[in-house]
């Protein structure tokens, strides 16, 4: 199942609206890179663990 993380779920001075969706490892890597480059976080195991814990399952809408 694909995972998603959305910056709108976290307080931010920049009011970031980026959402990242994909396979879990891809999302964790991309979100960590985004957190470092845009939000000034330091890339660490703790950051990646926090990101992984915040992932949600992607909601898939069925079209009829």
N, C-alpha and C. Protein backbone atom coordinates (compact mmCIF):
# COMPACT_ATOMS: atom_id res chain seq x y z
N UNK A 1 0.84 -1.19 0.00
CA UNK A 1 0.00 0.00 0.00
C UNK A 1 0.88 1.24 0.00
N UNK A 2 0.49 2.22 -0.82
CA UNK A 2 1.24 3.47 -0.87
C UNK A 2 0.97 4.28 0.40
N UNK A 3 1.96 5.09 0.77
CA UNK A 3 1.88 5.93 1.96
C UNK A 3 1.91 7.38 1.55
N UNK A 4 1.44 8.24 2.45
CA UNK A 4 1.42 9.67 2.20
C UNK A 4 1.81 10.42 3.47
N UNK A 5 2.50 11.53 3.28
CA UNK A 5 2.75 12.47 4.37
C UNK A 5 2.47 13.86 3.82
N UNK A 6 1.87 14.71 4.64
CA UNK A 6 1.40 16.01 4.19
C UNK A 6 1.89 17.08 5.16
N UNK A 7 2.63 18.04 4.65
CA UNK A 7 3.15 19.11 5.51
C UNK A 7 2.04 19.89 6.22
N UNK A 8 0.85 19.88 5.66
CA UNK A 8 -0.26 20.61 6.30
C UNK A 8 -0.64 20.01 7.64
N UNK A 9 -0.19 18.78 7.90
CA UNK A 9 -0.48 18.13 9.19
C UNK A 9 0.46 18.57 10.30
N UNK A 10 1.46 19.41 9.96
CA UNK A 10 2.48 19.81 10.93
C UNK A 10 2.58 21.33 10.95
N UNK A 11 2.74 21.93 12.13
CA UNK A 11 2.89 23.38 12.21
C UNK A 11 4.14 23.82 11.44
N UNK A 12 4.02 24.92 10.71
CA UNK A 12 5.13 25.40 9.90
C UNK A 12 5.05 26.91 9.75
N UNK A 13 6.20 27.57 9.85
CA UNK A 13 6.23 29.01 9.65
C UNK A 13 5.97 29.38 8.20
N UNK A 14 6.20 28.45 7.29
CA UNK A 14 6.06 28.73 5.86
C UNK A 14 4.70 28.32 5.31
N UNK A 15 3.84 27.75 6.14
CA UNK A 15 2.54 27.24 5.68
C UNK A 15 2.70 26.33 4.47
N UNK A 16 3.66 25.44 4.56
CA UNK A 16 3.96 24.51 3.47
C UNK A 16 2.77 23.59 3.22
N UNK A 17 2.48 23.34 1.94
CA UNK A 17 1.34 22.50 1.57
C UNK A 17 1.75 21.25 0.80
N UNK A 18 3.06 20.93 0.81
CA UNK A 18 3.54 19.78 0.06
C UNK A 18 3.02 18.48 0.65
N UNK A 19 2.57 17.58 -0.23
CA UNK A 19 2.20 16.21 0.15
C UNK A 19 3.05 15.28 -0.70
N UNK A 20 3.55 14.22 -0.09
CA UNK A 20 4.40 13.25 -0.78
C UNK A 20 3.73 11.89 -0.66
N UNK A 21 3.60 11.20 -1.80
CA UNK A 21 2.93 9.90 -1.84
C UNK A 21 3.81 8.92 -2.59
N UNK A 22 3.88 7.68 -2.09
CA UNK A 22 4.62 6.63 -2.78
C UNK A 22 4.82 5.44 -1.85
N UNK A 23 5.75 4.58 -2.22
CA UNK A 23 6.10 3.46 -1.35
C UNK A 23 6.78 4.01 -0.10
N UNK A 24 6.64 3.32 1.01
CA UNK A 24 7.08 3.84 2.31
C UNK A 24 8.51 4.36 2.31
N UNK A 25 9.46 3.57 1.83
CA UNK A 25 10.86 4.01 1.86
C UNK A 25 11.09 5.23 0.99
N UNK A 26 10.39 5.32 -0.14
CA UNK A 26 10.52 6.48 -1.02
C UNK A 26 10.00 7.75 -0.33
N UNK A 27 8.88 7.61 0.35
CA UNK A 27 8.28 8.77 1.02
C UNK A 27 9.16 9.23 2.18
N UNK A 28 9.68 8.30 2.96
CA UNK A 28 10.55 8.68 4.08
C UNK A 28 11.77 9.42 3.56
N UNK A 29 12.40 8.91 2.51
CA UNK A 29 13.60 9.54 1.95
C UNK A 29 13.27 10.94 1.42
N UNK A 30 12.22 11.05 0.62
CA UNK A 30 11.84 12.35 0.04
C UNK A 30 11.42 13.34 1.11
N UNK A 31 10.67 12.88 2.10
CA UNK A 31 10.21 13.77 3.18
C UNK A 31 11.38 14.25 4.02
N UNK A 32 12.35 13.38 4.28
CA UNK A 32 13.53 13.79 5.03
C UNK A 32 14.31 14.85 4.25
N UNK A 33 14.49 14.63 2.96
CA UNK A 33 15.20 15.61 2.13
C UNK A 33 14.45 16.94 2.12
N UNK A 34 13.14 16.89 2.04
CA UNK A 34 12.32 18.10 2.07
C UNK A 34 12.43 18.81 3.42
N UNK A 35 12.37 18.03 4.50
CA UNK A 35 12.45 18.62 5.85
C UNK A 35 13.78 19.34 6.05
N UNK A 36 14.85 18.79 5.49
CA UNK A 36 16.17 19.41 5.62
C UNK A 36 16.28 20.65 4.74
N UNK A 37 15.92 20.51 3.46
CA UNK A 37 16.16 21.60 2.51
C UNK A 37 15.19 22.77 2.67
N UNK A 38 13.95 22.49 3.07
CA UNK A 38 12.94 23.55 3.15
C UNK A 38 12.71 24.02 4.58
N UNK A 39 12.70 23.08 5.53
CA UNK A 39 12.32 23.43 6.90
C UNK A 39 13.50 23.52 7.87
N UNK A 40 14.72 23.26 7.39
CA UNK A 40 15.90 23.46 8.21
C UNK A 40 16.18 22.39 9.23
N UNK A 41 15.54 21.24 9.12
CA UNK A 41 15.81 20.14 10.05
C UNK A 41 17.14 19.49 9.71
N UNK A 42 17.68 18.73 10.64
CA UNK A 42 18.89 17.96 10.43
C UNK A 42 18.50 16.53 10.11
N UNK A 43 19.06 15.98 9.04
CA UNK A 43 18.76 14.60 8.67
C UNK A 43 19.38 13.67 9.70
N UNK A 44 18.56 12.85 10.31
CA UNK A 44 19.02 11.93 11.34
C UNK A 44 18.09 10.73 11.39
N UNK A 45 18.52 9.71 12.10
CA UNK A 45 17.66 8.53 12.29
C UNK A 45 16.38 8.94 13.01
N UNK A 46 16.49 9.85 13.98
CA UNK A 46 15.32 10.29 14.73
C UNK A 46 14.31 10.99 13.82
N UNK A 47 14.81 11.85 12.93
CA UNK A 47 13.91 12.53 11.99
C UNK A 47 13.19 11.51 11.11
N UNK A 48 13.94 10.57 10.56
CA UNK A 48 13.33 9.56 9.67
C UNK A 48 12.35 8.67 10.45
N UNK A 49 12.66 8.38 11.71
CA UNK A 49 11.73 7.60 12.53
C UNK A 49 10.43 8.38 12.77
N UNK A 50 10.54 9.69 13.01
CA UNK A 50 9.36 10.52 13.21
C UNK A 50 8.52 10.59 11.94
N UNK A 51 9.20 10.72 10.82
CA UNK A 51 8.49 10.74 9.54
C UNK A 51 7.76 9.42 9.32
N UNK A 52 8.48 8.33 9.52
CA UNK A 52 7.88 6.99 9.31
C UNK A 52 6.65 6.81 10.21
N UNK A 53 6.72 7.28 11.44
CA UNK A 53 5.60 7.14 12.38
C UNK A 53 4.41 8.01 11.98
N UNK A 54 4.66 9.06 11.18
CA UNK A 54 3.60 9.98 10.78
C UNK A 54 2.93 9.61 9.46
N UNK A 55 3.43 8.59 8.78
CA UNK A 55 2.87 8.21 7.50
C UNK A 55 1.45 7.70 7.64
N UNK A 56 0.65 7.99 6.63
CA UNK A 56 -0.73 7.50 6.58
C UNK A 56 -0.88 6.68 5.31
N UNK A 57 -1.83 5.77 5.33
CA UNK A 57 -2.15 5.02 4.12
C UNK A 57 -2.80 5.96 3.12
N UNK A 58 -2.45 5.81 1.85
CA UNK A 58 -3.07 6.61 0.81
C UNK A 58 -4.52 6.17 0.64
N UNK A 59 -5.42 7.12 0.58
CA UNK A 59 -6.82 6.82 0.34
C UNK A 59 -7.04 6.73 -1.16
N UNK A 60 -7.60 5.65 -1.59
CA UNK A 60 -7.86 5.46 -3.01
C UNK A 60 -9.36 5.54 -3.23
N UNK A 61 -9.77 6.44 -4.09
CA UNK A 61 -11.19 6.60 -4.39
C UNK A 61 -11.57 5.65 -5.53
N UNK A 62 -12.67 4.98 -5.36
CA UNK A 62 -13.18 4.09 -6.40
C UNK A 62 -14.09 4.88 -7.32
N UNK A 63 -13.82 4.84 -8.61
CA UNK A 63 -14.67 5.50 -9.59
C UNK A 63 -15.68 4.51 -10.14
N UNK A 64 -16.93 4.91 -10.21
CA UNK A 64 -17.96 4.02 -10.74
C UNK A 64 -18.62 4.60 -11.97
